[in-house]
């Protein structure tokens, strides 16, 4: 095959195809019901990228391989970095203003920092952050995964394509490498997706074949063989067939592609669609830019700014999700209009100037690459600084007052005498444990040592554990149980191999440390949620799950297993304190603490629950806990409701602007302060001999002197 492509070229149908792809992606991200397979537009982009970058590289004229590679990097840098850098910096700043730190947003700053270097996809893959998961949907940098894939492809492409340009045997080797790499990449993608490995969605090695398809398409398109075929009299029929099949494949992809099956066999359809539609236009369709205005001008205009539109639409949509929401049509319309406005500004004032050849006429390619890398490092550093100092300038009430909201902020304490408590962590075979022990203090312990086992609901007691250790001299040890609940009496939450192994390991480590006078505290959610950090659950589902301790077919075996565990704990002489179900709110306070969240759909029910509804909801679980305690005076029940919902007709998530809960069911740092007196009294009461039946722990008045919380880094 021989090359015969004019140096000055513009393919308007490529921009039209870009426009269709980006509009499909935008529609899918705005509302998946509009175009269920719209995410396949990214696959179309990959094929286009492989084709266009090959066409651009082949037009640069003869040069040494080294000069070709450096020149290629310089042109890619000018094409990608300026618009990406501006978008990432603005998005990082807006995220710091509006998005409070939480489990839901935990990966946001890290993804943004690494996206500057084209590594956002690696961060998402390492965190096992599935593209269709809430962690991805609420991350304004998630869309940078595809840019990371492309940038990693561009690190490989120039070396292979330089071999192709040298001709002779090198051309055969380059073709073999592109074809072999594509085949291996496709097989790897199929294997990863078939095994349920979500990393395959993000990784370059599972996406290389899509861009290689574009490269191979160009190599065929630019050959004399293709020209001879396109010169045939019946080529119009062939072209019509290619268009029809390509359009049908594209429509099927955008309407019927299923999440979780990309980039496997199903991705062949959008890749084939893009290749067929590109191939349908022969070399005679190459036109100058100024003549392309008559070629569906509105579509090509969108295609020309498709990169900027892709960059900006996702951060806008995610920031709307975090703030005003999408409960009303005007919100969707505003987000869409803002996305197009920002894309137009980016294309006009960032993309075009930096892509202009005459602007960089006197700048060497090597210098361009060096300056770009320095700018990338500076941009990433600025984004990191904004994240670290978010509390100083954020609009978010939650971010500005971390000492009230985050349990992790109240665990390093110092009293007026210099007595200190700081948690220390020990890794276990599965999970880890944290120990709160005071040092630099005088006097003996005035309360029992406490061993707590559980998931995030146990860890949320961190400030109370630290204060308890500081004030009483007791030692508190907390097992995170691998993130699994412990004796929640809810099989659907803990009856899986990983959680069973974690609970067994925690129990094995715990039992030798127990002795008479110790207390084992078992906090857990023990109720179904009305709301999570990102979603509202149907009320019927909540009521059905709440009744499970009485109605579930596994209820009897669950209680039998729980009694067996309690018997092992009691055999050590230690007392056990089970936590009664605490309030479960109908909206997460950290998402609804500011006035601009009032219209957000997740805040519609308010950060509260009707008291009578809640008490009725927890009755089956409370009865099950009382049954477990039975006549054993060494097993008690700690009831947080008497402190966190002391009276009135509703249980509130916020009191006088201060949060009792962080989200729908985890107590906040301030909630720990409120709960501390009754918690301390209950732990002391647990080891006092009693002749009466176990009862719910009585509330005590708040301490006269409030606990002072440090604000440690992190």
Foldseek 3Di string as FASTA:
>chain_A
DDFDADLFWDFLVLLLLLLQLLVLLLQCLLPCVVWVLSVLSLLLVLLSLLQVLLSNLVNPDDDDLVQSLLLSLLLVLLQPQFLLLVLLLVLLLLCLFFPADDPLAPCQLVLSLCLLVLCSLVSCLVVLPACPDSSNSLHLNNLSLSVSLVVVLSVVPSNLVSLCVVDDVSVVVSVCCLVVQLVQLQVVLQVCLVVVRRSLQRDNSNSSNSSSNSNVLNVVQRDVVLVVLCPDPCLLVVLVVLLVQLVVLCSCSRHPDDPSCPPHPNSVSPSSSSSSSVSSDHSVSIDHPVVCCVVPNVSSVSSLLSVQLSSQLSSLSSSCLLFQADPDPVSSVVSVVVSVVRSVCCCVPRNVVSSDCVNCVPPRSNNSSVVSVVSSNVSSVSSVVCVQCSLVNHNAPCSVCVLQFALVFFQWAADPQGKIWHWDWDQDPAFIKIKTAIPPDDDDFPFFAEEEEAAVQQVLLRNLQNVNCRVGRHMYMYTNLNRAADLLLQCVGQVDVSSVVSNVRVLVVPLVVDAARYEYEHDDQSFDACDDQNDGDDPVVRLVSLLCCPPPPCNVVSLVVVLVSVVSNCVRNAFYEYEQHAAFFQAFCSSPLDPRHCNHPRCVVHGKDFPVVRVVSRVSVVVSQLVSQDQPLSYAYEYLCCQQVVDDGMRGQDDPSGGQARTRGHGGSNVSQSRNQQVRVVSRSSNDDDNDRHDYGDDDDHDPDGGDGHGDRD
